[in-house]
Amino acid sequence: MAAPVSFITWQRHAGRAEEIADALGGTAVHVHQRRLSGSTPRTLLRYAASAALTAGHLLVRRPSAVVVTNPPVVPGLIATAYGAITGRPVVLDSHPTSFGAKDHAVAQRLLPLHRAMARRAAAVMVTTDQWVRVVEGWGGRGLVVHEAPPRWTVAPWAPRGGRPQVLFAGVFGSDEPVDVVVAAARALPGVDVAITGDPRKCPPQLAADLPANVRLVGFLDPDAYRRAVEDADVLLVLTTEPTSVVRAGYEAVYAGRALVLSDTPVLREVFPDAEHAPNTAEGVAAGLERALAALPDAGRRSRALERQQRRWAEQLAALQAAVGGRRP
């Protein structure tokens, strides 16, 4: 008998893969050779080792279906070959960068491979209807699939007194306006702001001139991140990519925390109960002030959670049909 669904990712840690695999009754498989990071020769060796481990997992486990994160494109190619040989469904989890968004030059050059994989896939998980139309234009089947409920839980928000706590959940990605976050915090000296992500990726000129109410807390492991969310009054999540549906926004709603997001049409549609702000210091500061003022409104957070749970149930049903080789 075939093993359950495998969700394969070439990342050090991927909560998304683990949570969606749980929802499908499957297993998340993280293939990450951290010791082989660095120079180009080491990167090539890392890709070769990761490819071998990925193929080995599929040959030994022979899962009933495969979900695979894209980018990078290599694990998707291996999974596509597995699907062609075994006849088992393969679903691509294609993030906006896989389409060349966020100025991802490598993904732009590899779009022909992405297109070919999409045509053979049972489905391609994407963030927005815009990408669904792109996939369908390629002859594939696009599915909007966001975030499953997290494995962790946190205590409900309650007034604690003291200084308000804001968590900016990010990784110093190219689409994250961290400078705007710091400038907004400078305008709100009575609010403490914690910024996640490897501090080595923080622009040096920014790190050298942080206001007293801003802390760089580093890259947090899952348990530390859970504690940071629990300690927060507001989660702040900003992006300059108009098709991005930010994972941390989902985490804020699942955790029952107030949420401030960039003001894009997609994020307004997905998170109508959040505060939305332009990616400017003045706009973000005003959004944080509105969110903090609305903290006593527990009904707002409850409505957001109910809406999100309904949406996830619909998305999960479509995904279950795809990994089962069926149309919903």
Protein backbone atom coordinates (compact mmCIF):
# COMPACT_ATOMS: atom_id res chain seq x y z
CA MET A 1 0.00 0.00 0.00
CA ALA A 2 1.27 3.48 -0.86
CA ALA A 3 2.46 5.79 1.89
CA PRO A 4 0.44 8.95 2.60
CA VAL A 5 1.00 12.24 0.83
CA SER A 6 4.52 13.68 1.02
CA PHE A 7 4.96 17.47 1.09
CA ILE A 8 8.56 18.06 0.01
CA THR A 9 10.41 21.30 0.60
CA TRP A 10 14.05 22.26 0.26
CA GLN A 11 13.92 24.59 3.25
CA ARG A 12 15.46 24.43 6.71
CA HIS A 13 12.04 24.68 8.29
CA ALA A 14 8.67 25.03 6.62
CA GLY A 15 5.69 25.39 8.91
CA ARG A 16 3.45 25.70 5.86
CA ALA A 17 4.50 22.27 4.60
CA GLU A 18 4.04 20.67 8.01
CA GLU A 19 0.61 22.16 8.58
CA ILE A 20 -0.76 21.36 5.13
CA ALA A 21 0.71 17.86 5.33
CA ASP A 22 -1.06 17.40 8.69
CA ALA A 23 -4.34 18.53 7.15
CA LEU A 24 -3.90 15.99 4.32
CA GLY A 25 -2.95 13.19 6.71
CA GLY A 26 0.55 13.13 5.20
CA THR A 27 4.15 13.90 6.04
CA ALA A 28 6.34 16.97 5.52
CA VAL A 29 9.82 16.18 4.21
CA HIS A 30 12.48 18.88 4.69
CA VAL A 31 15.55 18.42 2.53
CA HIS A 32 18.13 20.98 3.63
CA GLN A 33 21.91 20.61 3.56
CA ARG A 34 22.81 23.62 5.67
CA ARG A 35 26.50 22.69 5.87
CA LEU A 36 26.78 22.95 2.09
CA SER A 37 25.68 26.58 1.85
CA GLY A 38 28.06 29.26 0.67
CA SER A 39 30.20 29.27 -2.46
CA THR A 40 28.96 28.23 -5.91
CA PRO A 41 30.71 24.81 -5.82
CA ARG A 42 29.16 24.10 -2.41
CA THR A 43 25.75 25.21 -3.68
CA LEU A 44 26.01 22.85 -6.66
CA LEU A 45 27.01 20.04 -4.31
CA ARG A 46 24.08 20.92 -2.03
CA TYR A 47 21.66 20.74 -4.96
CA ALA A 48 23.09 17.39 -6.05
CA ALA A 49 22.82 15.96 -2.54
CA SER A 50 19.31 17.34 -2.07
CA ALA A 51 18.21 15.93 -5.42
CA ALA A 52 19.54 12.50 -4.46
CA LEU A 53 17.79 12.60 -1.08
CA THR A 54 14.52 13.73 -2.69
CA ALA A 55 14.60 10.98 -5.31
CA GLY A 56 15.55 8.46 -2.65
CA HIS A 57 12.60 9.43 -0.48
CA LEU A 58 10.18 9.03 -3.37
CA LEU A 59 11.63 5.68 -4.45
CA VAL A 60 11.60 4.25 -0.92
CA ARG A 61 8.35 5.73 0.41
CA ARG A 62 6.38 5.76 -2.87
CA PRO A 63 3.82 8.26 -1.55
CA SER A 64 0.28 8.22 -2.89
CA ALA A 65 0.69 11.87 -3.95
CA VAL A 66 3.37 14.55 -3.76
CA VAL A 67 3.09 18.24 -2.94
CA VAL A 68 6.32 20.12 -3.63
CA THR A 69 7.41 23.67 -2.90
CA ASN A 70 8.47 25.78 -5.88
CA PRO A 71 10.99 27.46 -6.03
CA PRO A 72 13.52 26.00 -6.37
CA VAL A 73 12.48 24.22 -9.53
CA VAL A 74 14.64 21.09 -9.06
CA PRO A 75 12.46 19.24 -6.51
CA GLY A 76 9.45 19.99 -8.70
CA LEU A 77 11.18 18.37 -11.67
CA ILE A 78 11.98 15.28 -9.60
CA ALA A 79 8.41 15.05 -8.31
CA THR A 80 7.06 15.53 -11.85
CA ALA A 81 9.20 12.63 -13.06
CA TYR A 82 7.93 10.51 -10.16
CA GLY A 83 4.35 11.34 -11.09
CA ALA A 84 4.94 10.49 -14.75
CA ILE A 85 6.47 7.11 -13.87
CA THR A 86 3.96 6.08 -11.18
CA GLY A 87 0.81 7.86 -12.36
CA ARG A 88 0.39 9.43 -8.92
CA PRO A 89 -0.75 13.04 -8.50
CA VAL A 90 1.79 15.84 -8.09
CA VAL A 91 0.81 19.27 -6.81
CA LEU A 92 3.14 22.26 -7.11
CA ASP A 93 3.14 24.80 -4.28
CA SER A 94 4.18 27.72 -6.46
CA HIS A 95 4.97 30.90 -4.54
CA PRO A 96 4.89 34.29 -6.32
CA THR A 97 8.67 34.17 -6.74
CA SER A 98 8.31 31.03 -8.87
CA PHE A 99 6.59 33.22 -11.48
CA GLY A 100 9.47 35.71 -11.37
CA ALA A 101 7.79 38.11 -8.93
CA LYS A 102 9.90 40.07 -6.44
CA ASP A 103 12.53 40.45 -9.18
CA HIS A 104 13.45 36.75 -8.94
CA ALA A 105 15.72 36.60 -11.99
CA VAL A 106 16.45 32.87 -11.76
CA ALA A 107 12.75 31.99 -11.67
CA GLN A 108 12.13 34.27 -14.65
CA ARG A 109 14.69 32.34 -16.69
CA LEU A 110 13.21 29.02 -15.56
CA LEU A 111 9.60 29.86 -16.40
CA PRO A 112 9.53 27.38 -19.33
CA LEU A 113 10.27 24.58 -16.87
CA HIS A 114 7.62 25.87 -14.47
CA ARG A 115 5.13 26.00 -17.34
CA ALA A 116 5.92 22.43 -18.38
CA MET A 117 5.55 21.14 -14.81
CA ALA A 118 2.25 23.01 -14.36
CA ARG A 119 0.77 21.31 -17.41
CA ARG A 120 1.54 17.86 -15.96
CA ALA A 121 0.56 18.67 -12.35
CA ALA A 122 -2.74 17.69 -10.79
CA ALA A 123 -2.88 21.28 -9.53
CA VAL A 124 -0.71 24.30 -8.85
CA MET A 125 -1.24 25.99 -5.49
CA VAL A 126 -1.00 29.78 -5.80
CA THR A 127 -1.78 32.87 -3.73
CA THR A 128 -4.25 34.75 -5.94
CA ASP A 129 -6.70 34.43 -8.81
CA GLN A 130 -4.19 36.35 -10.92
CA TRP A 131 -1.76 33.43 -10.73
CA VAL A 132 -4.64 30.97 -11.31
CA ARG A 133 -5.26 32.70 -14.64
CA VAL A 134 -1.56 32.48 -15.51
CA VAL A 135 -1.49 28.74 -14.74
CA GLU A 136 -4.68 28.14 -16.70
CA GLY A 137 -3.17 30.07 -19.61
CA TRP A 138 -0.34 27.54 -19.55
CA GLY A 139 -2.83 24.66 -19.73
CA GLY A 140 -2.61 23.79 -16.03
CA ARG A 141 -5.03 23.91 -13.11
CA GLY A 142 -4.52 26.62 -10.51
CA LEU A 143 -5.83 26.46 -6.96
CA VAL A 144 -5.74 29.29 -4.45
CA VAL A 145 -4.48 27.66 -1.24
CA HIS A 146 -3.32 29.76 1.69
CA GLU A 147 -2.40 28.62 5.20
CA ALA A 148 -3.63 25.74 7.34
CA PRO A 149 -4.12 26.22 11.09
CA PRO A 150 -0.73 26.20 12.85
CA ARG A 151 0.44 23.32 14.99
CA TRP A 152 0.87 25.70 17.91
CA THR A 153 -1.69 27.52 20.02
CA VAL A 154 -1.35 30.64 22.11
CA ALA A 155 -3.28 32.07 25.02
CA PRO A 156 -6.10 34.44 24.04
CA TRP A 157 -5.15 38.09 23.98
CA ALA A 158 -5.85 39.92 27.22
CA PRO A 159 -4.87 43.37 28.51
CA ARG A 160 -1.57 43.16 30.37
CA GLY A 161 -0.70 46.76 31.06
CA GLY A 162 2.67 48.21 30.29
CA ARG A 163 3.95 49.18 26.88
CA PRO A 164 2.16 47.87 23.76
CA GLN A 165 4.09 45.15 21.95
CA VAL A 166 4.26 44.92 18.16
CA LEU A 167 5.84 42.01 16.27
CA PHE A 168 7.04 42.61 12.72
CA ALA A 169 7.24 39.12 11.26
CA GLY A 170 9.73 39.04 8.42
CA VAL A 171 12.99 37.65 7.09
CA PHE A 172 14.52 40.84 5.62
CA GLY A 173 13.19 39.81 2.22
CA SER A 174 13.46 42.07 -0.79
CA ASP A 175 9.73 42.87 -0.58
CA GLU A 176 9.78 43.82 3.12
CA PRO A 177 10.09 47.59 3.77
CA VAL A 178 11.93 47.24 7.07
CA ASP A 179 13.06 50.86 6.88
CA VAL A 180 9.39 51.89 6.99
CA VAL A 181 8.87 49.76 10.10
CA VAL A 182 11.79 51.43 11.88
CA ALA A 183 10.62 54.91 10.87
CA ALA A 184 7.08 54.16 12.07
CA ALA A 185 8.44 52.88 15.39
CA ARG A 186 10.48 56.06 15.76
CA ALA A 187 7.23 58.02 15.46
CA LEU A 188 5.64 55.87 18.23
CA PRO A 189 8.17 55.98 21.10
CA GLY A 190 5.63 54.51 23.54
CA VAL A 191 5.34 51.27 21.54
CA ASP A 192 7.92 48.45 21.48
CA VAL A 193 8.59 46.81 18.11
CA ALA A 194 10.36 43.45 17.68
CA ILE A 195 11.66 42.58 14.20
CA THR A 196 12.29 38.94 13.30
CA GLY A 197 14.80 37.64 10.76
CA ASP A 198 18.54 37.06 10.56
CA PRO A 199 20.03 40.40 11.70
CA ARG A 200 22.99 39.87 9.36
CA LYS A 201 20.55 40.60 6.52
CA CYS A 202 19.48 43.92 8.02
CA PRO A 203 20.97 46.85 6.07
CA PRO A 204 23.97 48.01 8.16
CA GLN A 205 22.97 51.67 8.08
CA LEU A 206 19.55 50.74 9.43
CA ALA A 207 20.90 48.45 12.16
CA ALA A 208 23.34 51.14 13.27
CA ASP A 209 20.62 53.70 13.96
CA LEU A 210 17.73 51.84 15.56
CA PRO A 211 15.53 53.76 17.98
CA ALA A 212 15.42 52.54 21.58
CA ASN A 213 11.99 50.93 21.11
CA VAL A 214 13.10 48.59 18.27
CA ARG A 215 14.76 45.20 18.79
CA LEU A 216 16.17 42.77 16.22
CA VAL A 217 15.21 39.41 17.73
CA GLY A 218 16.84 37.20 15.11
CA PHE A 219 15.55 34.18 13.22
CA LEU A 220 13.17 32.42 15.60
CA ASP A 221 12.66 28.68 15.75
CA PRO A 222 9.02 27.52 15.88
CA ASP A 223 8.72 27.55 19.67
CA ALA A 224 10.40 30.93 20.04
CA TYR A 225 8.18 32.33 17.31
CA ARG A 226 5.09 31.01 19.07
CA ARG A 227 6.16 32.80 22.24
CA ALA A 228 6.81 36.00 20.31
CA VAL A 229 3.31 35.86 18.81
CA GLU A 230 1.81 35.19 22.23
CA ASP A 231 3.68 38.17 23.70
CA ALA A 232 2.49 40.50 20.93
CA ASP A 233 -0.51 42.78 20.98
CA VAL A 234 -0.29 43.46 17.25
CA LEU A 235 1.37 41.66 14.36
CA LEU A 236 2.69 43.94 11.64
CA VAL A 237 3.24 42.39 8.20
CA LEU A 238 4.31 44.48 5.22
CA THR A 239 5.09 43.61 1.62
CA THR A 240 5.66 45.50 -1.59
CA GLU A 241 4.61 42.49 -3.71
CA PRO A 242 0.96 42.99 -4.79
CA THR A 243 0.26 39.25 -5.20
CA SER A 244 1.70 38.20 -1.84
CA VAL A 245 -0.69 36.72 0.74
CA VAL A 246 1.48 36.86 3.82
CA ARG A 247 1.66 33.78 6.03
CA ALA A 248 2.15 35.86 9.16
CA GLY A 249 -1.22 37.49 8.51
CA TYR A 250 -2.87 34.10 8.75
CA GLU A 251 -0.88 33.32 11.89
CA ALA A 252 -2.09 36.55 13.50
CA VAL A 253 -5.72 35.68 12.84
CA TYR A 254 -5.34 32.08 14.04
CA ALA A 255 -3.66 33.45 17.20
CA GLY A 256 -6.39 36.03 17.82
CA ARG A 257 -4.00 38.96 17.56
CA ALA A 258 -4.63 42.35 16.00
CA LEU A 259 -3.15 42.72 12.54
CA VAL A 260 -1.74 45.58 10.47
CA LEU A 261 -1.01 44.87 6.81
CA SER A 262 0.13 46.62 3.68
CA ASP A 263 -2.74 48.20 1.78
CA THR A 264 -3.06 46.04 -1.33
CA PRO A 265 -6.29 44.85 -3.00
CA VAL A 266 -5.40 41.20 -2.35
CA LEU A 267 -4.70 41.71 1.35
CA ARG A 268 -7.85 43.81 1.77
CA GLU A 269 -9.88 40.95 0.29
CA VAL A 270 -8.25 38.18 2.35
CA PHE A 271 -8.02 40.14 5.62
CA PRO A 272 -10.98 42.56 5.67
CA ASP A 273 -10.95 42.82 9.48
CA ALA A 274 -7.30 43.95 9.66
CA GLU A 275 -5.96 47.48 9.59
CA HIS A 276 -4.44 48.29 6.21
CA ALA A 277 -1.78 50.91 5.72
CA PRO A 278 0.31 52.27 2.87
CA ASN A 279 3.96 51.33 3.04
CA THR A 280 4.98 54.68 4.50
CA ALA A 281 6.15 55.58 7.98
CA GLU A 282 3.13 57.82 8.53
CA GLY A 283 0.68 55.24 7.19
CA VAL A 284 2.09 52.35 9.22
CA ALA A 285 2.25 54.43 12.41
CA ALA A 286 -1.39 55.42 11.93
CA GLY A 287 -2.37 51.80 11.25
CA LEU A 288 -0.67 50.65 14.44
CA GLU A 289 -2.43 53.34 16.44
CA ARG A 290 -5.81 52.24 15.04
CA ALA A 291 -5.06 48.58 15.80
CA LEU A 292 -3.99 49.35 19.35
CA ALA A 293 -7.11 51.45 19.94
CA ALA A 294 -9.30 48.57 18.69
CA LEU A 295 -7.71 45.88 20.89
CA PRO A 296 -10.75 45.64 23.23
CA ASP A 297 -12.92 44.60 20.23
CA ALA A 298 -12.72 40.81 20.62
CA GLY A 299 -15.65 40.36 18.24
CA ARG A 300 -13.60 41.72 15.38
CA ARG A 301 -10.89 39.11 15.91
CA SER A 302 -13.50 36.38 16.31
CA ARG A 303 -15.16 37.30 13.01
CA ALA A 304 -11.79 37.27 11.28
CA LEU A 305 -11.05 33.79 12.62
CA GLU A 306 -14.44 32.39 11.57
CA ARG A 307 -14.02 33.78 8.06
CA GLN A 308 -10.52 32.37 7.79
CA GLN A 309 -11.57 28.92 9.00
CA ARG A 310 -14.39 28.77 6.42
CA ARG A 311 -12.01 29.79 3.64
CA TRP A 312 -9.44 27.20 4.69
CA ALA A 313 -12.09 24.43 4.75
CA GLU A 314 -13.00 25.26 1.14
CA GLN A 315 -9.37 25.38 0.04
CA LEU A 316 -8.57 22.12 1.82
CA ALA A 317 -11.46 20.33 0.09
CA ALA A 318 -10.14 21.41 -3.32
CA LEU A 319 -6.61 20.35 -2.39
CA GLN A 320 -7.79 16.96 -1.08
CA ALA A 321 -9.54 16.37 -4.38
CA ALA A 322 -6.36 17.22 -6.28
CA VAL A 323 -4.07 14.89 -4.32
CA GLY A 324 -6.74 12.22 -4.65
CA GLY A 325 -6.70 12.63 -8.42
CA ARG A 326 -10.22 14.06 -8.49
CA ARG A 327 -11.90 17.26 -9.49
CA PRO A 328 -13.71 18.97 -6.55
